Amino acid sequence: MKKYFAALSTTALICAAPHALAASQTDLAVTGTITPVACDISLSSGGIVDIGKRSKNDLHPTNNTLINTTPMQLTMACSESMLFMLNPIDNRPGTAAGLGDYFGLGLTPDDEKLGFFDITIKDSTADTNQVQAIGSTDGGATWIKQDRIMNGNQSSVAATSDHSTRIDVKDLTMELEIKTYIAASKDLTIDNEVPIDGLATIEVWYK
């Protein structure tokens, strides 16, 4: 479940002003819902893509280099059928050497962006039915067909006949493909071994 954290900061100025009447109080409402529904989400292989060692000589001098493609399965099992969203979090923010919707691999010792990884959704099944992966850029207000789990966007599934509306799901399986890219060698200073350190978290939002 998504956890909301809010910081409240209040300031006040007491003053006297002729011919003015101001309210001496205001209201703050906190609302929400506690749901009995719970979902377990997991990735095959423990969610680990182990690339091993790669030589700097394998990198393209001026373009990003695809160094690994790994299939992975995402499964979600809920206590009952429900609407949901998957919310990915890049735990290496600001380090992706590419578009902002990719996930970063960390920095070199010289603070250069090492590369990025991309998550493609190859196939989706919900409660034994074929479904279409969809994505939202506005927190779930609108949805479009989207075959990637993208940093900063939310993902869900829809019927294959209507890509604009989410469907209730109890059990979900997504076949994923994780592609890892390293930045052009001209943009990297690699005098010693540099760890590839990508990490993303996928949350389930119950909404």
C-alpha atoms as a PDB file:
ATOM      1  CA  MET A   1       0.000   0.000   0.000  1.00  0.00           C
ATOM      2  CA  LYS A   2       1.222   3.428  -0.756  1.00  0.00           C
ATOM      3  CA  LYS A   3       2.226   5.293   2.357  1.00  0.00           C
ATOM      4  CA  TYR A   4       1.496   8.989   2.484  1.00  0.00           C
ATOM      5  CA  PHE A   5       3.791  11.250   4.461  1.00  0.00           C
ATOM      6  CA  ALA A   6       2.834  14.853   5.022  1.00  0.00           C
ATOM      7  CA  ALA A   7       4.707  17.623   6.755  1.00  0.00           C
ATOM      8  CA  LEU A   8       2.587  20.416   8.097  1.00  0.00           C
ATOM      9  CA  SER A   9       4.173  23.823   8.575  1.00  0.00           C
ATOM     10  CA  THR A  10       2.194  26.621  10.125  1.00  0.00           C
ATOM     11  CA  THR A  11       3.044  30.259  10.543  1.00  0.00           C
ATOM     12  CA  ALA A  12       0.956  33.066  11.875  1.00  0.00           C
ATOM     13  CA  LEU A  13       1.078  36.807  12.197  1.00  0.00           C
ATOM     14  CA  ILE A  14      -1.035  38.576  14.775  1.00  0.00           C
ATOM     15  CA  CYS A  15      -1.833  42.119  13.871  1.00  0.00           C
ATOM     16  CA  ALA A  16      -4.429  44.783  14.356  1.00  0.00           C
ATOM     17  CA  ALA A  17      -6.113  46.329  11.368  1.00  0.00           C
ATOM     18  CA  PRO A  18      -8.989  48.784  11.502  1.00  0.00           C
ATOM     19  CA  HIS A  19     -12.224  48.000   9.640  1.00  0.00           C
ATOM     20  CA  ALA A  20     -11.126  44.359   8.992  1.00  0.00           C
ATOM     21  CA  LEU A  21     -12.611  41.138  10.309  1.00  0.00           C
ATOM     22  CA  ALA A  22     -10.687  37.849   9.962  1.00  0.00           C
ATOM     23  CA  ALA A  23     -11.636  34.323  10.989  1.00  0.00           C
ATOM     24  CA  SER A  24      -9.942  33.206  14.204  1.00  0.00           C
ATOM     25  CA  GLN A  25      -9.939  29.504  13.280  1.00  0.00           C
ATOM     26  CA  THR A  26      -9.692  27.156  10.320  1.00  0.00           C
ATOM     27  CA  ASP A  27     -10.178  23.428   9.748  1.00  0.00           C
ATOM     28  CA  LEU A  28      -7.796  20.650   8.748  1.00  0.00           C
ATOM     29  CA  ALA A  29      -9.327  17.349   7.619  1.00  0.00           C
ATOM     30  CA  VAL A  30      -7.447  14.065   7.274  1.00  0.00           C
ATOM     31  CA  THR A  31      -9.286  11.440   5.225  1.00  0.00           C
ATOM     32  CA  GLY A  32      -8.562   8.050   3.728  1.00  0.00           C
ATOM     33  CA  THR A  33      -9.510   4.385   3.829  1.00  0.00           C
ATOM     34  CA  ILE A  34      -7.995   1.338   5.498  1.00  0.00           C
ATOM     35  CA  THR A  35      -8.603  -1.630   3.208  1.00  0.00           C
ATOM     36  CA  PRO A  36      -8.650  -5.293   4.275  1.00  0.00           C
ATOM     37  CA  VAL A  37      -7.302  -6.242   0.856  1.00  0.00           C
ATOM     38  CA  ALA A  38      -3.629  -7.163   0.676  1.00  0.00           C
ATOM     39  CA  CYS A  39      -1.422  -8.168  -2.245  1.00  0.00           C
ATOM     40  CA  ASP A  40       1.889 -10.005  -2.321  1.00  0.00           C
ATOM     41  CA  ILE A  41       4.201  -9.018  -5.173  1.00  0.00           C
ATOM     42  CA  SER A  42       7.432 -10.753  -6.160  1.00  0.00           C
ATOM     43  CA  LEU A  43      10.002 -11.056  -8.941  1.00  0.00           C
ATOM     44  CA  SER A  44      11.617 -14.257 -10.141  1.00  0.00           C
ATOM     45  CA  SER A  45      15.318 -14.858  -9.409  1.00  0.00           C
ATOM     46  CA  GLY A  46      14.933 -12.689  -6.343  1.00  0.00           C
ATOM     47  CA  GLY A  47      14.688  -9.654  -8.608  1.00  0.00           C
ATOM     48  CA  ILE A  48      18.429  -9.836  -9.329  1.00  0.00           C
ATOM     49  CA  VAL A  49      20.069  -9.293 -12.718  1.00  0.00           C
ATOM     50  CA  ASP A  50      23.696 -10.405 -12.373  1.00  0.00           C
ATOM     51  CA  ILE A  51      25.678  -9.117 -15.337  1.00  0.00           C
ATOM     52  CA  GLY A  52      29.113 -10.130 -14.112  1.00  0.00           C
ATOM     53  CA  LYS A  53      32.153  -8.253 -15.420  1.00  0.00           C
ATOM     54  CA  ARG A  54      32.312  -6.372 -18.695  1.00  0.00           C
ATOM     55  CA  SER A  55      35.355  -4.786 -20.299  1.00  0.00           C
ATOM     56  CA  LYS A  56      35.491  -1.097 -21.112  1.00  0.00           C
ATOM     57  CA  ASN A  57      36.647  -2.217 -24.567  1.00  0.00           C
ATOM     58  CA  ASP A  58      33.182  -3.722 -25.138  1.00  0.00           C
ATOM     59  CA  LEU A  59      31.554  -0.294 -24.925  1.00  0.00           C
ATOM     60  CA  HIS A  60      30.610   1.760 -27.965  1.00  0.00           C
ATOM     61  CA  PRO A  61      32.656   4.971 -28.079  1.00  0.00           C
ATOM     62  CA  THR A  62      29.752   7.320 -28.814  1.00  0.00           C
ATOM     63  CA  ASN A  63      26.486   5.437 -28.154  1.00  0.00           C
ATOM     64  CA  ASN A  64      24.901   3.574 -25.258  1.00  0.00           C
ATOM     65  CA  THR A  65      25.818  -0.131 -25.292  1.00  0.00           C
ATOM     66  CA  LEU A  66      23.274  -2.883 -24.551  1.00  0.00           C
ATOM     67  CA  ILE A  67      25.257  -5.290 -22.370  1.00  0.00           C
ATOM     68  CA  ASN A  68      22.532  -7.590 -21.026  1.00  0.00           C
ATOM     69  CA  THR A  69      18.955  -8.731 -21.628  1.00  0.00           C
ATOM     70  CA  THR A  70      17.345 -10.776 -18.854  1.00  0.00           C
ATOM     71  CA  PRO A  71      13.805 -12.218 -18.749  1.00  0.00           C
ATOM     72  CA  MET A  72      12.039 -11.945 -15.407  1.00  0.00           C
ATOM     73  CA  GLN A  73       8.554 -12.724 -14.141  1.00  0.00           C
ATOM     74  CA  LEU A  74       6.514 -10.436 -11.897  1.00  0.00           C
ATOM     75  CA  THR A  75       3.679 -12.050  -9.947  1.00  0.00           C
ATOM     76  CA  MET A  76       1.050 -10.470  -7.733  1.00  0.00           C
ATOM     77  CA  ALA A  77      -1.457 -12.382  -5.612  1.00  0.00           C
ATOM     78  CA  CYS A  78      -4.229 -10.476  -3.830  1.00  0.00           C
ATOM     79  CA  SER A  79      -6.675 -11.614  -1.168  1.00  0.00           C
ATOM     80  CA  GLU A  80      -9.533 -10.507  -3.418  1.00  0.00           C
ATOM     81  CA  SER A  81     -10.111  -8.922  -6.803  1.00  0.00           C
ATOM     82  CA  MET A  82      -9.344  -5.207  -6.868  1.00  0.00           C
ATOM     83  CA  LEU A  83      -8.131  -2.224  -8.875  1.00  0.00           C
ATOM     84  CA  PHE A  84      -4.414  -1.618  -8.502  1.00  0.00           C
ATOM     85  CA  MET A  85      -1.451   0.370  -9.784  1.00  0.00           C
ATOM     86  CA  LEU A  86       2.221  -0.552  -9.839  1.00  0.00           C
ATOM     87  CA  ASN A  87       4.403   2.387  -8.844  1.00  0.00           C
ATOM     88  CA  PRO A  88       8.128   2.009  -9.594  1.00  0.00           C
ATOM     89  CA  ILE A  89      10.738   3.928  -7.604  1.00  0.00           C
ATOM     90  CA  ASP A  90      14.272   4.496  -8.862  1.00  0.00           C
ATOM     91  CA  ASN A  91      16.520   4.076  -5.828  1.00  0.00           C
ATOM     92  CA  ARG A  92      19.412   5.566  -7.802  1.00  0.00           C
ATOM     93  CA  PRO A  93      17.625   8.787  -8.790  1.00  0.00           C
ATOM     94  CA  GLY A  94      19.303  11.169 -11.174  1.00  0.00           C
ATOM     95  CA  THR A  95      21.869   8.621 -12.395  1.00  0.00           C
ATOM     96  CA  ALA A  96      20.182   7.295 -15.562  1.00  0.00           C
ATOM     97  CA  ALA A  97      22.236   8.101 -18.667  1.00  0.00           C
ATOM     98  CA  GLY A  98      19.187   8.440 -20.875  1.00  0.00           C
ATOM     99  CA  LEU A  99      15.548   9.457 -20.735  1.00  0.00           C
ATOM    100  CA  GLY A 100      14.028  10.358 -17.399  1.00  0.00           C
ATOM    101  CA  ASP A 101      11.762   7.298 -17.417  1.00  0.00           C
ATOM    102  CA  TYR A 102      14.736   4.884 -17.295  1.00  0.00           C
ATOM    103  CA  PHE A 103      16.295   3.567 -14.080  1.00  0.00           C
ATOM    104  CA  GLY A 104      19.833   4.538 -13.093  1.00  0.00           C
ATOM    105  CA  LEU A 105      22.893   2.353 -12.509  1.00  0.00           C
ATOM    106  CA  GLY A 106      24.743   4.728 -10.207  1.00  0.00           C
ATOM    107  CA  LEU A 107      27.713   6.998 -10.837  1.00  0.00           C
ATOM    108  CA  THR A 108      31.399   6.518 -11.538  1.00  0.00           C
ATOM    109  CA  PRO A 109      33.902   7.894  -8.989  1.00  0.00           C
ATOM    110  CA  ASP A 110      34.000  11.014 -11.208  1.00  0.00           C
ATOM    111  CA  ASP A 111      30.205  11.462 -10.857  1.00  0.00           C
ATOM    112  CA  GLU A 112      29.481  10.330 -14.423  1.00  0.00           C
ATOM    113  CA  LYS A 113      26.197   8.542 -15.141  1.00  0.00           C
ATOM    114  CA  LEU A 114      27.156   4.909 -15.724  1.00  0.00           C
ATOM    115  CA  GLY A 115      24.099   3.855 -17.714  1.00  0.00           C
ATOM    116  CA  PHE A 116      20.494   2.748 -17.206  1.00  0.00           C
ATOM    117  CA  PHE A 117      18.127  -0.202 -17.295  1.00  0.00           C
ATOM    118  CA  ASP A 118      14.746  -0.441 -18.967  1.00  0.00           C
ATOM    119  CA  ILE A 119      11.809  -2.713 -18.030  1.00  0.00           C
ATOM    120  CA  THR A 120       9.650  -3.986 -20.895  1.00  0.00           C
ATOM    121  CA  ILE A 121       6.370  -5.850 -20.327  1.00  0.00           C
ATOM    122  CA  LYS A 122       6.292  -8.665 -22.891  1.00  0.00           C
ATOM    123  CA  ASP A 123       3.069 -10.361 -21.778  1.00  0.00           C
ATOM    124  CA  SER A 124       0.413  -9.952 -19.067  1.00  0.00           C
ATOM    125  CA  THR A 125      -2.117 -12.417 -17.643  1.00  0.00           C
ATOM    126  CA  ALA A 126      -4.756 -11.585 -15.041  1.00  0.00           C
ATOM    127  CA  ASP A 127      -6.836 -14.366 -13.492  1.00  0.00           C
ATOM    128  CA  THR A 128      -5.885 -16.675 -16.417  1.00  0.00           C
ATOM    129  CA  ASN A 129      -7.037 -14.101 -19.011  1.00  0.00           C
ATOM    130  CA  GLN A 130      -4.796 -12.280 -21.473  1.00  0.00           C
ATOM    131  CA  VAL A 131      -4.748  -8.568 -20.628  1.00  0.00           C
ATOM    132  CA  GLN A 132      -3.080  -5.411 -21.922  1.00  0.00           C
ATOM    133  CA  ALA A 133      -0.475  -3.518 -19.906  1.00  0.00           C
ATOM    134  CA  ILE A 134      -1.335   0.172 -19.566  1.00  0.00           C
ATOM    135  CA  GLY A 135       0.393   3.193 -18.079  1.00  0.00           C
ATOM    136  CA  SER A 136      -0.475   6.535 -16.528  1.00  0.00           C
ATOM    137  CA  THR A 137       1.519   9.751 -16.252  1.00  0.00           C
ATOM    138  CA  ASP A 138      -0.986  11.504 -13.974  1.00  0.00           C
ATOM    139  CA  GLY A 139      -1.365   9.197 -10.993  1.00  0.00           C
ATOM    140  CA  GLY A 140      -4.088   7.068 -12.541  1.00  0.00           C
ATOM    141  CA  ALA A 141      -6.455   9.751 -13.818  1.00  0.00           C
ATOM    142  CA  THR A 142      -5.971   8.629 -17.433  1.00  0.00           C
ATOM    143  CA  TRP A 143      -4.502   5.483 -18.995  1.00  0.00           C
ATOM    144  CA  ILE A 144      -2.967   4.471 -22.325  1.00  0.00           C
ATOM    145  CA  LYS A 145      -1.440   1.317 -23.759  1.00  0.00           C
ATOM    146  CA  GLN A 146       2.097   1.082 -22.389  1.00  0.00           C
ATOM    147  CA  ASP A 147       4.352  -1.967 -22.584  1.00  0.00           C
ATOM    148  CA  ARG A 148       7.006  -0.662 -20.192  1.00  0.00           C
ATOM    149  CA  ILE A 149       7.334  -0.086 -16.461  1.00  0.00           C
ATOM    150  CA  MET A 150       8.583   3.487 -16.508  1.00  0.00           C
ATOM    151  CA  ASN A 151      10.201   5.571 -13.810  1.00  0.00           C
ATOM    152  CA  GLY A 152       7.748   8.287 -12.779  1.00  0.00           C
ATOM    153  CA  ASN A 153       4.710   6.533 -14.287  1.00  0.00           C
ATOM    154  CA  GLN A 154       2.215   4.046 -12.902  1.00  0.00           C
ATOM    155  CA  SER A 155       1.329   0.718 -14.533  1.00  0.00           C
ATOM    156  CA  SER A 156      -1.761  -1.482 -14.476  1.00  0.00           C
ATOM    157  CA  VAL A 157      -3.726  -3.752 -16.820  1.00  0.00           C
ATOM    158  CA  ALA A 158      -6.837  -3.431 -18.945  1.00  0.00           C
ATOM    159  CA  ALA A 159      -8.941  -5.640 -21.162  1.00  0.00           C
ATOM    160  CA  THR A 160      -7.422  -6.141 -24.604  1.00  0.00           C
ATOM    161  CA  SER A 161     -10.467  -4.387 -26.092  1.00  0.00           C
ATOM    162  CA  ASP A 162     -10.238  -1.192 -23.988  1.00  0.00           C
ATOM    163  CA  HIS A 163      -6.845   0.266 -23.074  1.00  0.00           C
ATOM    164  CA  SER A 164      -8.268   3.276 -21.229  1.00  0.00           C
ATOM    165  CA  THR A 165      -9.894   1.528 -18.261  1.00  0.00           C
ATOM    166  CA  ARG A 166      -8.302  -0.604 -15.564  1.00  0.00           C
ATOM    167  CA  ILE A 167      -9.852  -3.909 -14.571  1.00  0.00           C
ATOM    168  CA  ASP A 168     -10.145  -5.649 -11.200  1.00  0.00           C
ATOM    169  CA  VAL A 169      -7.455  -8.261 -10.690  1.00  0.00           C
ATOM    170  CA  LYS A 170      -6.838 -10.938  -8.069  1.00  0.00           C
ATOM    171  CA  ASP A 171      -3.838 -12.767  -9.548  1.00  0.00           C
ATOM    172  CA  LEU A 172      -1.441 -11.150 -12.014  1.00  0.00           C
ATOM    173  CA  THR A 173       1.538 -12.420 -13.978  1.00  0.00           C
ATOM    174  CA  MET A 174       3.755 -10.176 -16.098  1.00  0.00           C
ATOM    175  CA  GLU A 175       6.574 -11.468 -18.263  1.00  0.00           C
ATOM    176  CA  LEU A 176       9.264  -8.794 -18.152  1.00  0.00           C
ATOM    177  CA  GLU A 177      12.472  -8.142 -20.039  1.00  0.00           C
ATOM    178  CA  ILE A 178      15.213  -6.161 -18.314  1.00  0.00           C
ATOM    179  CA  LYS A 179      17.675  -4.474 -20.678  1.00  0.00           C
ATOM    180  CA  THR A 180      20.838  -2.947 -19.230  1.00  0.00           C
ATOM    181  CA  TYR A 181      22.786  -0.274 -21.083  1.00  0.00           C
ATOM    182  CA  ILE A 182      26.147   1.338 -20.328  1.00  0.00           C
ATOM    183  CA  ALA A 183      26.871   4.889 -21.466  1.00  0.00           C
ATOM    184  CA  ALA A 184      29.274   5.675 -24.303  1.00  0.00           C
ATOM    185  CA  SER A 185      32.899   5.095 -23.351  1.00  0.00           C
ATOM    186  CA  LYS A 186      33.761   8.704 -24.257  1.00  0.00           C
ATOM    187  CA  ASP A 187      31.508   9.836 -21.395  1.00  0.00           C
ATOM    188  CA  LEU A 188      33.031   7.558 -18.757  1.00  0.00           C
ATOM    189  CA  THR A 189      36.256   7.627 -16.783  1.00  0.00           C
ATOM    190  CA  ILE A 190      37.032   3.990 -15.963  1.00  0.00           C
ATOM    191  CA  ASP A 191      40.538   3.677 -14.564  1.00  0.00           C
ATOM    192  CA  ASN A 192      39.514   1.000 -12.038  1.00  0.00           C
ATOM    193  CA  GLU A 193      36.592  -1.403 -11.665  1.00  0.00           C
ATOM    194  CA  VAL A 194      33.277   0.444 -11.350  1.00  0.00           C
ATOM    195  CA  PRO A 195      30.262  -1.374  -9.827  1.00  0.00           C
ATOM    196  CA  ILE A 196      26.992  -1.535 -11.745  1.00  0.00           C
ATOM    197  CA  ASP A 197      24.553  -0.551  -9.007  1.00  0.00           C
ATOM    198  CA  GLY A 198      20.976  -0.327 -10.268  1.00  0.00           C
ATOM    199  CA  LEU A 199      18.092  -0.724  -7.819  1.00  0.00           C
ATOM    200  CA  ALA A 200      14.357  -0.131  -8.234  1.00  0.00           C
ATOM    201  CA  THR A 201      11.377  -0.812  -5.980  1.00  0.00           C
ATOM    202  CA  ILE A 202       7.915  -1.653  -7.329  1.00  0.00           C
ATOM    203  CA  GLU A 203       5.062  -0.719  -5.003  1.00  0.00           C
ATOM    204  CA  VAL A 204       1.430  -1.823  -5.217  1.00  0.00           C
ATOM    205  CA  TRP A 205      -1.018   1.041  -4.860  1.00  0.00           C
ATOM    206  CA  TYR A 206      -4.547   0.064  -3.858  1.00  0.00           C
ATOM    207  CA  LYS A 207      -6.539   2.724  -5.669  1.00  0.00           C
END
